[in-house]
Protein backbone atom coordinates (compact mmCIF):
# COMPACT_ATOMS: atom_id res chain seq x y z
CA MET A 1 0.00 0.00 0.00
CA THR A 2 1.12 3.51 -0.82
CA ARG A 3 0.22 6.69 1.06
CA PHE A 4 -1.39 9.40 -1.01
CA TYR A 5 -2.56 12.87 0.02
CA LEU A 6 -5.81 14.41 -1.24
CA HIS A 7 -5.22 18.15 -0.97
CA GLN A 8 -8.39 20.15 -1.61
CA GLN A 9 -7.98 22.93 -4.15
CA ILE A 10 -10.04 26.00 -3.25
CA ALA A 11 -10.41 29.41 -4.89
CA ASN A 12 -7.57 31.04 -2.96
CA GLY A 13 -5.26 28.13 -2.20
CA ILE A 14 -5.07 24.58 -0.93
CA ILE A 15 -6.43 22.82 2.14
CA GLU A 16 -3.75 20.25 2.87
CA ASP A 17 -4.54 16.68 3.81
CA PRO A 18 -2.29 16.11 6.85
CA ASP A 19 -2.96 12.39 7.22
CA GLY A 20 -3.25 11.02 3.73
CA THR A 21 -4.83 7.74 2.79
CA GLU A 22 -3.39 4.39 1.85
CA ALA A 23 -4.34 2.86 -1.47
CA VAL A 24 -3.09 0.13 -3.75
CA ASP A 25 -2.45 2.44 -6.68
CA LEU A 26 -3.34 5.73 -8.33
CA LYS A 27 -6.54 4.30 -9.81
CA ALA A 28 -7.77 3.31 -6.34
CA VAL A 29 -6.95 6.68 -4.78
CA ARG A 30 -8.63 8.48 -7.70
CA HIS A 31 -11.76 6.48 -6.88
CA GLU A 32 -11.46 7.61 -3.23
CA ALA A 33 -11.16 11.21 -4.42
CA ILE A 34 -14.32 10.85 -6.52
CA LEU A 35 -16.22 9.49 -3.52
CA ALA A 36 -14.93 12.29 -1.29
CA ALA A 37 -15.85 14.92 -3.89
CA ARG A 38 -19.38 13.49 -4.13
CA GLN A 39 -19.74 13.75 -0.36
CA LEU A 40 -18.48 17.33 -0.30
CA LEU A 41 -20.78 18.32 -3.16
CA ALA A 42 -23.78 16.60 -1.53
CA ASN A 43 -23.11 18.38 1.77
CA ALA A 44 -22.88 21.74 0.01
CA ILE A 45 -26.13 21.13 -1.87
CA LEU A 46 -27.94 20.09 1.31
CA ALA A 47 -26.67 23.23 3.07
CA GLY A 48 -27.64 25.41 0.12
CA VAL A 49 -24.13 26.76 -0.34
CA ALA A 50 -21.48 26.60 -3.02
CA PRO A 51 -18.88 23.88 -2.49
CA LEU A 52 -15.66 25.15 -0.95
CA GLY A 53 -13.34 23.22 -3.22
CA THR A 54 -13.00 22.66 -6.94
CA ALA A 55 -10.64 19.69 -7.15
CA PHE A 56 -8.35 17.32 -5.30
CA ARG A 57 -4.63 17.44 -5.98
CA ILE A 58 -3.35 13.98 -5.25
CA THR A 59 0.27 13.88 -4.20
CA ASP A 60 2.75 11.26 -3.11
CA GLU A 61 4.59 11.33 0.21
CA ALA A 62 7.28 13.58 -1.29
CA GLY A 63 4.63 16.16 -2.22
CA HIS A 64 4.78 15.59 -5.98
CA VAL A 65 1.41 16.17 -7.67
CA LEU A 66 0.44 12.92 -9.39
CA ILE A 67 -3.01 13.86 -10.69
CA THR A 68 -5.68 16.48 -10.20
CA VAL A 69 -9.27 15.27 -9.88
CA PRO A 70 -11.80 18.03 -10.60
CA PHE A 71 -14.99 17.80 -8.56
CA ALA A 72 -16.87 17.86 -11.88
CA ASP A 73 -15.51 14.34 -12.47
CA ALA A 74 -17.66 13.18 -9.55
CA LEU A 75 -20.89 14.20 -11.29
CA PRO A 76 -22.80 11.92 -13.64
CA PRO A 77 -22.19 13.01 -17.25
CA HIS A 78 -25.78 14.14 -17.81
CA PHE A 79 -25.45 16.66 -14.95
CA ILE A 80 -22.66 18.41 -16.79
CA ASP A 81 -24.09 18.31 -20.31
CA THR A 82 -27.43 19.92 -19.46
């Protein structure tokens, strides 16, 4: 297992993930990021506010950005196209 960090990209910076999460590979951690983004978006919708973040920057333990997962990737395609 590898430790990855899901730093939340917001309008004026980054909210760092201090603990990280362990996953088998980048595909698995991307899936975790999608699930986390869905939860954040759902909470924002229920509260009637705009979501705080726009994406997760997934880094390795050395801090290198491996991928960026936009929150829009967490939405079903028909939500985006309409």
